[in-house]
Amino acid sequence: MSRRAFTFIEILLVTSLIAILSLSIFTCFSNGLKLWDRSRREILTEDISIFFDRFASDLRNTFIFSTIPLDGGENSFVFPTVVLTKADEYGSRRNEEFVDQLGRVRYAFDFEKGAIMRQQANYSQSTRNDWADAKTMAVGIKELKFKYYYSGIKEYQLHADNSVVLPSAVEVAVRFMQGGEEKTMSRFVSIPLGI
């Protein structure tokens, strides 16, 4: 009568193979989690950079217009600019899908969501104080601050808010948490018409 069973060496070999496979799977999973966390952190800084670029583009296209007022505060800024909207189906540019026209833009900080929001209105909407739906520019933000500078005789002068006169420059600062530490990114945008 022959007995069929695993030898001690075979059992040790299978156990060591299972341990090696488990270790390699754990290492791959752990590295994947680290990579996901790092990319998620980079997404926030990329979103803030995109917000800065969009804000600077809108602000450099601003102008002084009597029926579209300028309104600036510490956590929001509303100003006239050129906006891209859907073409009017009865207008002269109806064959184009989107057209650029005079309008108004609002950048604001949503305290409940911790998000930077952007709204726009074309000319007719802005005269009625009617806005399109707000678009989220970045989420996970702790604070958004605007500072307004006016050109003086020798240098820029800082003012707390802006209500009537077009500033020479605007500094926007964004405070956020990344990797357990607080960080701040800021951008200084000069306005050609404000100088």
N, C-alpha and C. Protein backbone atom coordinates (compact mmCIF):
# COMPACT_ATOMS: atom_id res chain seq x y z
N MET A 1 0.83 -1.14 0.00
CA MET A 1 0.00 0.00 0.00
C MET A 1 0.90 1.23 0.00
N SER A 2 0.68 2.12 -1.02
CA SER A 2 1.51 3.31 -1.12
C SER A 2 0.74 4.52 -0.58
N ARG A 3 1.46 5.36 0.12
CA ARG A 3 0.85 6.56 0.69
C ARG A 3 1.24 7.75 -0.17
N ARG A 4 0.23 8.51 -0.53
CA ARG A 4 0.48 9.69 -1.31
C ARG A 4 0.30 10.90 -0.41
N ALA A 5 1.35 11.71 -0.29
CA ALA A 5 1.30 12.92 0.54
C ALA A 5 2.44 13.82 0.11
N PHE A 6 2.34 15.07 0.54
CA PHE A 6 3.40 16.03 0.24
C PHE A 6 4.54 15.82 1.21
N THR A 7 5.72 15.98 0.69
CA THR A 7 6.88 15.90 1.58
C THR A 7 7.05 17.25 2.27
N PHE A 8 7.84 17.29 3.27
CA PHE A 8 8.08 18.53 4.03
C PHE A 8 8.71 19.59 3.13
N ILE A 9 9.59 19.21 2.25
CA ILE A 9 10.25 20.14 1.34
C ILE A 9 9.23 20.74 0.38
N GLU A 10 8.32 19.94 -0.13
CA GLU A 10 7.30 20.45 -1.03
C GLU A 10 6.39 21.47 -0.32
N ILE A 11 6.01 21.20 0.90
CA ILE A 11 5.17 22.11 1.67
C ILE A 11 5.91 23.43 1.91
N LEU A 12 7.21 23.36 2.26
CA LEU A 12 7.99 24.59 2.45
C LEU A 12 8.11 25.38 1.16
N LEU A 13 8.29 24.68 0.06
CA LEU A 13 8.42 25.35 -1.23
C LEU A 13 7.13 26.07 -1.61
N VAL A 14 5.98 25.43 -1.44
CA VAL A 14 4.69 26.05 -1.76
C VAL A 14 4.43 27.24 -0.83
N THR A 15 4.73 27.09 0.44
CA THR A 15 4.53 28.18 1.40
C THR A 15 5.40 29.37 1.06
N SER A 16 6.64 29.14 0.71
CA SER A 16 7.52 30.25 0.35
C SER A 16 7.07 30.93 -0.96
N LEU A 17 6.58 30.15 -1.93
CA LEU A 17 6.05 30.74 -3.16
C LEU A 17 4.83 31.63 -2.88
N ILE A 18 3.94 31.16 -2.02
CA ILE A 18 2.75 31.95 -1.66
C ILE A 18 3.19 33.23 -0.95
N ALA A 19 4.18 33.16 -0.08
CA ALA A 19 4.68 34.35 0.62
C ALA A 19 5.29 35.35 -0.36
N ILE A 20 6.06 34.86 -1.32
CA ILE A 20 6.68 35.75 -2.30
C ILE A 20 5.61 36.41 -3.18
N LEU A 21 4.62 35.63 -3.62
CA LEU A 21 3.53 36.20 -4.42
C LEU A 21 2.73 37.23 -3.63
N SER A 22 2.44 36.93 -2.37
CA SER A 22 1.70 37.88 -1.52
C SER A 22 2.48 39.17 -1.33
N LEU A 23 3.79 39.06 -1.11
CA LEU A 23 4.63 40.24 -0.94
C LEU A 23 4.66 41.09 -2.21
N SER A 24 4.76 40.45 -3.36
CA SER A 24 4.79 41.22 -4.61
C SER A 24 3.44 41.88 -4.88
N ILE A 25 2.33 41.22 -4.58
CA ILE A 25 1.00 41.83 -4.75
C ILE A 25 0.84 43.00 -3.80
N PHE A 26 1.27 42.83 -2.55
CA PHE A 26 1.17 43.93 -1.58
C PHE A 26 2.01 45.12 -2.02
N THR A 27 3.22 44.87 -2.52
CA THR A 27 4.09 45.95 -2.98
C THR A 27 3.46 46.70 -4.15
N CYS A 28 2.91 45.97 -5.11
CA CYS A 28 2.24 46.62 -6.25
C CYS A 28 1.05 47.45 -5.78
N PHE A 29 0.25 46.91 -4.89
CA PHE A 29 -0.92 47.63 -4.37
C PHE A 29 -0.50 48.87 -3.60
N SER A 30 0.53 48.74 -2.77
CA SER A 30 1.02 49.88 -1.99
C SER A 30 1.58 50.98 -2.89
N ASN A 31 2.37 50.60 -3.89
CA ASN A 31 2.90 51.59 -4.83
C ASN A 31 1.79 52.26 -5.64
N GLY A 32 0.77 51.50 -5.99
CA GLY A 32 -0.37 52.07 -6.70
C GLY A 32 -1.09 53.11 -5.86
N LEU A 33 -1.28 52.84 -4.57
CA LEU A 33 -1.91 53.81 -3.67
C LEU A 33 -1.06 55.07 -3.52
N LYS A 34 0.25 54.90 -3.42
CA LYS A 34 1.14 56.07 -3.31
C LYS A 34 1.08 56.91 -4.58
N LEU A 35 1.08 56.25 -5.73
CA LEU A 35 1.01 56.96 -7.00
C LEU A 35 -0.32 57.69 -7.15
N TRP A 36 -1.42 57.04 -6.75
CA TRP A 36 -2.73 57.68 -6.81
C TRP A 36 -2.78 58.90 -5.90
N ASP A 37 -2.23 58.79 -4.69
CA ASP A 37 -2.24 59.92 -3.76
C ASP A 37 -1.40 61.07 -4.31
N ARG A 38 -0.25 60.77 -4.86
CA ARG A 38 0.62 61.81 -5.42
C ARG A 38 -0.05 62.50 -6.62
N SER A 39 -0.68 61.72 -7.49
CA SER A 39 -1.34 62.32 -8.65
C SER A 39 -2.55 63.14 -8.22
N ARG A 40 -3.26 62.71 -7.17
CA ARG A 40 -4.40 63.47 -6.67
C ARG A 40 -3.95 64.82 -6.12
N ARG A 41 -2.81 64.86 -5.45
CA ARG A 41 -2.26 66.12 -4.94
C ARG A 41 -1.86 67.03 -6.09
N GLU A 42 -1.29 66.46 -7.13
CA GLU A 42 -0.87 67.26 -8.28
C GLU A 42 -2.08 67.81 -9.04
N ILE A 43 -3.19 67.11 -9.02
CA ILE A 43 -4.39 67.58 -9.71
C ILE A 43 -4.85 68.89 -9.11
N LEU A 44 -4.79 69.03 -7.79
CA LEU A 44 -5.22 70.28 -7.15
C LEU A 44 -4.34 71.45 -7.57
N THR A 45 -3.04 71.27 -7.58
CA THR A 45 -2.17 72.38 -8.01
C THR A 45 -2.37 72.69 -9.50
N GLU A 46 -2.65 71.66 -10.30
CA GLU A 46 -2.94 71.91 -11.72
C GLU A 46 -4.24 72.68 -11.88
N ASP A 47 -5.27 72.32 -11.09
CA ASP A 47 -6.54 73.06 -11.15
C ASP A 47 -6.35 74.52 -10.77
N ILE A 48 -5.55 74.77 -9.75
CA ILE A 48 -5.28 76.15 -9.33
C ILE A 48 -4.51 76.90 -10.42
N SER A 49 -3.56 76.24 -11.05
CA SER A 49 -2.80 76.87 -12.15
C SER A 49 -3.72 77.20 -13.32
N ILE A 50 -4.65 76.31 -13.64
CA ILE A 50 -5.61 76.57 -14.72
C ILE A 50 -6.50 77.74 -14.34
N PHE A 51 -6.93 77.80 -13.07
CA PHE A 51 -7.72 78.94 -12.61
C PHE A 51 -6.95 80.24 -12.78
N PHE A 52 -5.67 80.25 -12.38
CA PHE A 52 -4.84 81.46 -12.53
C PHE A 52 -4.77 81.89 -14.00
N ASP A 53 -4.55 80.94 -14.90
CA ASP A 53 -4.44 81.27 -16.32
C ASP A 53 -5.75 81.83 -16.87
N ARG A 54 -6.86 81.22 -16.49
CA ARG A 54 -8.17 81.69 -16.95
C ARG A 54 -8.48 83.08 -16.39
N PHE A 55 -8.20 83.27 -15.11
CA PHE A 55 -8.43 84.56 -14.46
C PHE A 55 -7.58 85.65 -15.12
N ALA A 56 -6.32 85.36 -15.37
CA ALA A 56 -5.42 86.33 -15.99
C ALA A 56 -5.89 86.68 -17.41
N SER A 57 -6.33 85.68 -18.16
CA SER A 57 -6.83 85.92 -19.51
C SER A 57 -8.06 86.82 -19.48
N ASP A 58 -9.01 86.52 -18.59
CA ASP A 58 -10.21 87.35 -18.48
C ASP A 58 -9.87 88.76 -18.03
N LEU A 59 -8.95 88.87 -17.08
CA LEU A 59 -8.62 90.18 -16.52
C LEU A 59 -7.85 91.04 -17.52
N ARG A 60 -7.04 90.44 -18.33
CA ARG A 60 -6.29 91.21 -19.33
C ARG A 60 -7.20 91.72 -20.45
N ASN A 61 -8.38 91.12 -20.59
CA ASN A 61 -9.36 91.56 -21.58
C ASN A 61 -10.41 92.49 -20.99
N THR A 62 -10.22 92.93 -19.77
CA THR A 62 -11.22 93.79 -19.14
C THR A 62 -11.17 95.20 -19.72
N PHE A 63 -12.22 95.94 -19.48
CA PHE A 63 -12.35 97.29 -20.02
C PHE A 63 -13.28 98.08 -19.11
N ILE A 64 -13.36 99.37 -19.33
CA ILE A 64 -14.25 100.24 -18.58
C ILE A 64 -15.50 100.43 -19.42
N PHE A 65 -16.65 100.06 -18.85
CA PHE A 65 -17.90 100.14 -19.58
C PHE A 65 -18.99 100.59 -18.61
N SER A 66 -19.71 101.65 -18.96
CA SER A 66 -20.63 102.28 -17.99
C SER A 66 -21.79 101.38 -17.57
N THR A 67 -22.30 100.54 -18.46
CA THR A 67 -23.45 99.71 -18.09
C THR A 67 -23.07 98.37 -17.45
N ILE A 68 -21.80 98.04 -17.43
CA ILE A 68 -21.35 96.81 -16.78
C ILE A 68 -20.39 97.22 -15.66
N PRO A 69 -20.89 97.29 -14.43
CA PRO A 69 -20.04 97.79 -13.33
C PRO A 69 -18.98 96.79 -12.89
N LEU A 70 -17.98 97.34 -12.27
CA LEU A 70 -16.87 96.58 -11.68
C LEU A 70 -17.15 96.47 -10.19
N ASP A 71 -16.97 95.28 -9.62
CA ASP A 71 -17.23 95.10 -8.19
C ASP A 71 -16.21 94.12 -7.63
N GLY A 72 -15.37 94.61 -6.75
CA GLY A 72 -14.33 93.75 -6.19
C GLY A 72 -14.38 93.73 -4.68
N GLY A 73 -14.24 92.56 -4.12
CA GLY A 73 -14.17 92.38 -2.68
C GLY A 73 -13.01 91.48 -2.33
N GLU A 74 -12.94 91.08 -1.08
CA GLU A 74 -11.83 90.25 -0.64
C GLU A 74 -11.93 88.82 -1.18
N ASN A 75 -13.16 88.29 -1.29
CA ASN A 75 -13.34 86.91 -1.71
C ASN A 75 -14.05 86.75 -3.06
N SER A 76 -14.36 87.85 -3.72
CA SER A 76 -14.99 87.77 -5.03
C SER A 76 -14.61 88.99 -5.85
N PHE A 77 -14.67 88.82 -7.17
CA PHE A 77 -14.33 89.90 -8.08
C PHE A 77 -15.19 89.76 -9.32
N VAL A 78 -15.92 90.84 -9.65
CA VAL A 78 -16.81 90.87 -10.81
C VAL A 78 -16.33 91.99 -11.71
N PHE A 79 -16.13 91.70 -12.99
CA PHE A 79 -15.62 92.72 -13.90
C PHE A 79 -16.07 92.45 -15.33
N PRO A 80 -16.17 93.52 -16.15
CA PRO A 80 -16.51 93.34 -17.56
C PRO A 80 -15.32 92.78 -18.32
N THR A 81 -15.62 91.94 -19.29
CA THR A 81 -14.57 91.34 -20.11
C THR A 81 -15.20 90.78 -21.38
N VAL A 82 -14.42 90.15 -22.20
CA VAL A 82 -14.92 89.48 -23.39
C VAL A 82 -15.20 88.03 -23.00
N VAL A 83 -16.43 87.58 -23.24
CA VAL A 83 -16.82 86.21 -22.89
C VAL A 83 -17.15 85.43 -24.14
N LEU A 84 -17.01 84.12 -24.05
CA LEU A 84 -17.33 83.22 -25.14
C LEU A 84 -18.69 82.59 -24.85
N THR A 85 -19.68 82.83 -25.71
CA THR A 85 -21.03 82.31 -25.50
C THR A 85 -21.53 81.65 -26.77
N LYS A 86 -22.65 80.93 -26.65
CA LYS A 86 -23.27 80.32 -27.83
C LYS A 86 -23.78 81.40 -28.75
N ALA A 87 -23.66 81.17 -30.02
CA ALA A 87 -24.10 82.15 -31.02
C ALA A 87 -25.62 82.23 -31.05
N ASP A 88 -26.12 83.43 -31.27
CA ASP A 88 -27.55 83.66 -31.42
C ASP A 88 -28.00 83.08 -32.75
N GLU A 89 -29.03 82.25 -32.73
CA GLU A 89 -29.46 81.58 -33.96
C GLU A 89 -30.05 82.55 -34.98
N TYR A 90 -30.39 83.77 -34.55
CA TYR A 90 -30.93 84.77 -35.47
C TYR A 90 -29.92 85.87 -35.78
N GLY A 91 -28.75 85.79 -35.21
CA GLY A 91 -27.74 86.82 -35.39
C GLY A 91 -26.94 86.64 -36.67
N SER A 92 -26.06 87.60 -36.93
CA SER A 92 -25.26 87.56 -38.15
C SER A 92 -24.18 86.48 -38.09
N ARG A 93 -23.82 86.03 -36.89
CA ARG A 93 -22.78 84.99 -36.76
C ARG A 93 -23.40 83.64 -36.39
N ARG A 94 -24.61 83.37 -36.86
CA ARG A 94 -25.33 82.15 -36.48
C ARG A 94 -24.67 80.87 -36.99
N ASN A 95 -23.82 80.96 -38.02
CA ASN A 95 -23.15 79.77 -38.54
C ASN A 95 -22.00 79.33 -37.64
N GLU A 96 -21.59 80.18 -36.70
CA GLU A 96 -20.56 79.81 -35.75
C GLU A 96 -21.23 79.23 -34.51
N GLU A 97 -20.59 78.24 -33.91
CA GLU A 97 -21.18 77.64 -32.71
C GLU A 97 -21.04 78.55 -31.49
N PHE A 98 -19.84 79.12 -31.30
CA PHE A 98 -19.59 80.03 -30.18
C PHE A 98 -19.02 81.34 -30.71
N VAL A 99 -19.39 82.44 -30.05
CA VAL A 99 -18.90 83.76 -30.44
C VAL A 99 -18.39 84.48 -29.21
N ASP A 100 -17.45 85.40 -29.42
CA ASP A 100 -16.98 86.22 -28.31
C ASP A 100 -17.71 87.56 -28.36
N GLN A 101 -18.08 88.04 -27.18
CA GLN A 101 -18.81 89.29 -27.08
C GLN A 101 -18.58 89.93 -25.72
N LEU A 102 -19.03 91.18 -25.59
CA LEU A 102 -18.91 91.87 -24.31
C LEU A 102 -19.75 91.14 -23.28
N GLY A 103 -19.24 91.09 -22.08
CA GLY A 103 -19.96 90.43 -21.02
C GLY A 103 -19.36 90.74 -19.66
N ARG A 104 -19.66 89.88 -18.73
CA ARG A 104 -19.23 90.08 -17.34
C ARG A 104 -18.85 88.74 -16.74
N VAL A 105 -17.84 88.73 -15.88
CA VAL A 105 -17.36 87.51 -15.26
C VAL A 105 -17.32 87.71 -13.76
N ARG A 106 -17.67 86.67 -13.02
CA ARG A 106 -17.59 86.69 -11.56
C ARG A 106 -16.74 85.52 -11.09
N TYR A 107 -15.68 85.83 -10.35
CA TYR A 107 -14.88 84.82 -9.68
C TYR A 107 -15.17 84.95 -8.19
N ALA A 108 -15.52 83.84 -7.54
CA ALA A 108 -15.88 83.90 -6.13
C ALA A 108 -15.47 82.62 -5.42
N PHE A 109 -15.35 82.73 -4.11
CA PHE A 109 -15.02 81.58 -3.27
C PHE A 109 -16.30 81.09 -2.62
N ASP A 110 -16.62 79.81 -2.81
CA ASP A 110 -17.77 79.18 -2.17
C ASP A 110 -17.30 78.56 -0.86
N PHE A 111 -17.68 79.18 0.26
CA PHE A 111 -17.20 78.73 1.56
C PHE A 111 -17.72 77.34 1.91
N GLU A 112 -18.96 77.01 1.54
CA GLU A 112 -19.54 75.70 1.88
C GLU A 112 -18.84 74.56 1.15
N LYS A 113 -18.57 74.75 -0.13
CA LYS A 113 -17.93 73.70 -0.93
C LYS A 113 -16.42 73.74 -0.85
N GLY A 114 -15.85 74.86 -0.39
CA GLY A 114 -14.40 75.01 -0.43
C GLY A 114 -13.89 75.03 -1.85
N ALA A 115 -14.60 75.79 -2.72
CA ALA A 115 -14.31 75.76 -4.15
C ALA A 115 -14.22 77.17 -4.72
N ILE A 116 -13.43 77.30 -5.77
CA ILE A 116 -13.37 78.53 -6.55
C ILE A 116 -14.37 78.38 -7.68
N MET A 117 -15.28 79.35 -7.79
CA MET A 117 -16.34 79.30 -8.79
C MET A 117 -16.16 80.42 -9.81
N ARG A 118 -16.58 80.16 -11.04
CA ARG A 118 -16.57 81.16 -12.10
C ARG A 118 -17.94 81.17 -12.77
N GLN A 119 -18.51 82.38 -12.90
CA GLN A 119 -19.76 82.57 -13.61
C GLN A 119 -19.54 83.63 -14.68
N GLN A 120 -20.31 83.54 -15.75
CA GLN A 120 -20.21 84.55 -16.78
C GLN A 120 -21.61 84.91 -17.26
N ALA A 121 -21.70 86.09 -17.84
CA ALA A 121 -22.95 86.57 -18.41
C ALA A 121 -22.62 87.33 -19.68
N ASN A 122 -23.41 87.13 -20.73
CA ASN A 122 -23.19 87.94 -21.92
C ASN A 122 -23.76 89.33 -21.67
N TYR A 123 -23.71 90.19 -22.67
CA TYR A 123 -24.09 91.58 -22.44
C TYR A 123 -25.53 91.72 -21.96
N SER A 124 -26.46 91.05 -22.61
CA SER A 124 -27.86 91.20 -22.21
C SER A 124 -28.11 90.61 -20.83
N GLN A 125 -27.47 89.50 -20.50
CA GLN A 125 -27.60 88.93 -19.16
C GLN A 125 -27.02 89.86 -18.11
N SER A 126 -25.88 90.49 -18.42
CA SER A 126 -25.24 91.34 -17.42
C SER A 126 -26.05 92.59 -17.13
N THR A 127 -26.80 93.12 -18.10
CA THR A 127 -27.64 94.29 -17.84
C THR A 127 -28.83 93.93 -16.95
N ARG A 128 -29.25 92.66 -16.97
CA ARG A 128 -30.34 92.19 -16.11
C ARG A 128 -29.82 91.57 -14.82
N ASN A 129 -28.50 91.53 -14.63
CA ASN A 129 -27.85 90.87 -13.49
C ASN A 129 -28.25 89.39 -13.44
N ASP A 130 -28.28 88.77 -14.59
CA ASP A 130 -28.61 87.36 -14.75
C ASP A 130 -27.32 86.63 -15.10
N TRP A 131 -27.07 85.51 -14.45
CA TRP A 131 -25.81 84.79 -14.64
C TRP A 131 -26.06 83.38 -15.16
N ALA A 132 -25.11 82.87 -15.91
CA ALA A 132 -25.12 81.46 -16.31
C ALA A 132 -24.74 80.62 -15.08
N ASP A 133 -24.91 79.32 -15.19
CA ASP A 133 -24.56 78.43 -14.08
C ASP A 133 -23.09 78.57 -13.73
N ALA A 134 -22.80 78.48 -12.43
CA ALA A 134 -21.43 78.59 -11.95
C ALA A 134 -20.63 77.35 -12.31
N LYS A 135 -19.41 77.55 -12.74
CA LYS A 135 -18.49 76.45 -13.05
C LYS A 135 -17.45 76.36 -11.94
N THR A 136 -17.17 75.16 -11.49
CA THR A 136 -16.16 74.95 -10.46
C THR A 136 -14.78 74.91 -11.09
N MET A 137 -13.89 75.79 -10.61
CA MET A 137 -12.53 75.84 -11.14
C MET A 137 -11.57 74.95 -10.34
N ALA A 138 -11.75 74.92 -9.00
CA ALA A 138 -10.89 74.10 -8.14
C ALA A 138 -11.64 73.80 -6.85
N VAL A 139 -11.46 72.58 -6.33
CA VAL A 139 -12.11 72.13 -5.10
C VAL A 139 -11.03 71.76 -4.09
N GLY A 140 -11.33 71.90 -2.81
CA GLY A 140 -10.36 71.59 -1.77
C GLY A 140 -9.58 72.82 -1.34
N ILE A 141 -10.18 73.98 -1.54
CA ILE A 141 -9.53 75.26 -1.25
C ILE A 141 -9.94 75.73 0.14
N LYS A 142 -8.99 76.28 0.88
CA LYS A 142 -9.27 76.83 2.21
C LYS A 142 -9.63 78.31 2.15
N GLU A 143 -8.99 79.05 1.22
CA GLU A 143 -9.22 80.49 1.16
C GLU A 143 -8.82 81.03 -0.21
N LEU A 144 -9.60 82.02 -0.67
CA LEU A 144 -9.30 82.74 -1.90
C LEU A 144 -9.37 84.23 -1.57
N LYS A 145 -8.29 84.96 -1.87
CA LYS A 145 -8.25 86.39 -1.56
C LYS A 145 -7.80 87.19 -2.78
N PHE A 146 -8.47 88.32 -2.98
CA PHE A 146 -8.10 89.25 -4.02
C PHE A 146 -7.56 90.52 -3.37
N LYS A 147 -6.48 91.06 -3.93
CA LYS A 147 -5.93 92.35 -3.51
C LYS A 147 -5.81 93.22 -4.75
N TYR A 148 -6.18 94.50 -4.59
CA TYR A 148 -6.25 95.41 -5.73
C TYR A 148 -5.18 96.49 -5.59
N TYR A 149 -4.46 96.70 -6.68
CA TYR A 149 -3.36 97.67 -6.68
C TYR A 149 -3.65 98.76 -7.71
N TYR A 150 -3.33 99.99 -7.33
CA TYR A 150 -3.50 101.13 -8.21
C TYR A 150 -2.14 101.78 -8.39
N SER A 151 -1.85 102.23 -9.60
CA SER A 151 -0.53 102.80 -9.83
C SER A 151 -0.45 104.18 -9.20
N GLY A 152 0.61 104.37 -8.42
CA GLY A 152 0.89 105.65 -7.80
C GLY A 152 1.97 106.36 -8.59
N ILE A 153 2.58 107.30 -7.95
CA ILE A 153 3.63 108.05 -8.63
C ILE A 153 4.87 107.18 -8.87
N LYS A 154 5.26 106.39 -7.85
CA LYS A 154 6.49 105.60 -7.97
C LYS A 154 6.24 104.09 -7.97
N GLU A 155 5.16 103.64 -7.36
CA GLU A 155 4.95 102.21 -7.22
C GLU A 155 3.46 101.91 -7.09
N TYR A 156 3.13 100.62 -7.13
CA TYR A 156 1.75 100.20 -6.92
C TYR A 156 1.34 100.45 -5.48
N GLN A 157 0.09 100.86 -5.28
CA GLN A 157 -0.44 101.07 -3.95
C GLN A 157 -1.59 100.10 -3.73
N LEU A 158 -1.58 99.42 -2.59
CA LEU A 158 -2.58 98.41 -2.27
C LEU A 158 -3.82 99.06 -1.68
N HIS A 159 -5.00 98.62 -2.15
CA HIS A 159 -6.28 99.05 -1.58
C HIS A 159 -7.04 97.79 -1.19
N ALA A 160 -7.86 97.90 -0.14
CA ALA A 160 -8.58 96.74 0.39
C ALA A 160 -9.61 96.19 -0.58
N ASP A 161 -10.38 97.04 -1.21
CA ASP A 161 -11.36 96.56 -2.17
C ASP A 161 -11.43 97.49 -3.36
N ASN A 162 -12.22 97.08 -4.33
CA ASN A 162 -12.31 97.83 -5.56
C ASN A 162 -13.78 97.95 -5.92
N SER A 163 -14.26 99.14 -6.16
CA SER A 163 -15.67 99.26 -6.47
C SER A 163 -15.97 100.06 -7.73
N VAL A 164 -15.16 101.03 -8.08
CA VAL A 164 -15.50 101.87 -9.22
C VAL A 164 -14.38 101.92 -10.25
N VAL A 165 -13.18 102.23 -9.82
CA VAL A 165 -12.06 102.47 -10.72
C VAL A 165 -11.36 101.16 -11.05
N LEU A 166 -10.96 101.03 -12.29
CA LEU A 166 -10.23 99.85 -12.73
C LEU A 166 -8.84 99.84 -12.10
N PRO A 167 -8.48 98.79 -11.39
CA PRO A 167 -7.14 98.75 -10.78
C PRO A 167 -6.05 98.55 -11.83
N SER A 168 -4.83 98.84 -11.43
CA SER A 168 -3.68 98.62 -12.31
C SER A 168 -3.24 97.16 -12.31
N ALA A 169 -3.51 96.50 -11.19
CA ALA A 169 -3.14 95.08 -11.05
C ALA A 169 -3.99 94.45 -9.96
N VAL A 170 -4.09 93.14 -10.03
CA VAL A 170 -4.81 92.36 -9.02
C VAL A 170 -3.92 91.20 -8.62
N GLU A 171 -3.81 90.99 -7.32
CA GLU A 171 -3.10 89.82 -6.81
C GLU A 171 -4.14 88.86 -6.26
N VAL A 172 -4.08 87.63 -6.70
CA VAL A 172 -5.00 86.61 -6.21
C VAL A 172 -4.18 85.53 -5.52
N ALA A 173 -4.60 85.17 -4.30
CA ALA A 173 -3.89 84.17 -3.50
C ALA A 173 -4.85 83.05 -3.13
N VAL A 174 -4.39 81.81 -3.25
CA VAL A 174 -5.18 80.63 -2.94
C VAL A 174 -4.45 79.83 -1.87
N ARG A 175 -5.16 79.56 -0.77
CA ARG A 175 -4.60 78.76 0.32
C ARG A 175 -5.30 77.41 0.32
N PHE A 176 -4.52 76.31 0.44
CA PHE A 176 -5.07 74.96 0.39
C PHE A 176 -4.20 74.01 1.18
N MET A 177 -4.72 72.83 1.47
CA MET A 177 -3.98 71.79 2.18
C MET A 177 -3.48 70.77 1.16
N GLN A 178 -2.21 70.36 1.34
CA GLN A 178 -1.64 69.35 0.45
C GLN A 178 -0.66 68.50 1.24
N GLY A 179 -0.95 67.22 1.29
CA GLY A 179 -0.05 66.31 1.99
C GLY A 179 0.05 66.62 3.47
N GLY A 180 -1.03 67.11 4.09
CA GLY A 180 -1.02 67.40 5.52
C GLY A 180 -0.43 68.75 5.89
N GLU A 181 0.02 69.53 4.92
CA GLU A 181 0.55 70.85 5.22
C GLU A 181 -0.17 71.91 4.40
N GLU A 182 -0.22 73.11 4.96
CA GLU A 182 -0.90 74.22 4.31
C GLU A 182 0.02 74.90 3.31
N LYS A 183 -0.50 75.14 2.11
CA LYS A 183 0.29 75.78 1.07
C LYS A 183 -0.48 76.96 0.49
N THR A 184 0.25 77.89 -0.12
CA THR A 184 -0.35 79.04 -0.75
C THR A 184 0.26 79.24 -2.13
N MET A 185 -0.60 79.48 -3.10
CA MET A 185 -0.16 79.85 -4.45
C MET A 185 -0.77 81.20 -4.75
N SER A 186 -0.01 82.07 -5.41
CA SER A 186 -0.55 83.39 -5.74
C SER A 186 -0.07 83.82 -7.12
N ARG A 187 -0.81 84.76 -7.69
CA ARG A 187 -0.45 85.30 -8.99
C ARG A 187 -0.76 86.79 -8.99
N PHE A 188 0.13 87.55 -9.56
CA PHE A 188 -0.01 88.99 -9.71
C PHE A 188 -0.30 89.28 -11.18
N VAL A 189 -1.46 89.87 -11.47
CA VAL A 189 -1.87 90.09 -12.85
C VAL A 189 -2.00 91.59 -13.09
N SER A 190 -1.22 92.13 -14.01
CA SER A 190 -1.35 93.54 -14.36
C SER A 190 -2.44 93.71 -15.41
N ILE A 191 -3.12 94.85 -15.35
CA ILE A 191 -4.21 95.14 -16.26
C ILE A 191 -3.77 96.27 -17.19
N PRO A 192 -3.70 96.01 -18.49
CA PRO A 192 -3.19 97.04 -19.40
C PRO A 192 -3.98 98.35 -19.36
N LEU A 193 -5.30 98.30 -19.25
CA LEU A 193 -6.10 99.52 -19.24
C LEU A 193 -6.05 100.25 -17.90
N GLY A 194 -5.61 99.57 -16.85
CA GLY A 194 -5.61 100.19 -15.52
C GLY A 194 -4.36 101.00 -15.23
N ILE A 195 -3.37 100.92 -16.08
CA ILE A 195 -2.09 101.61 -15.81
C ILE A 195 -2.17 103.04 -16.28
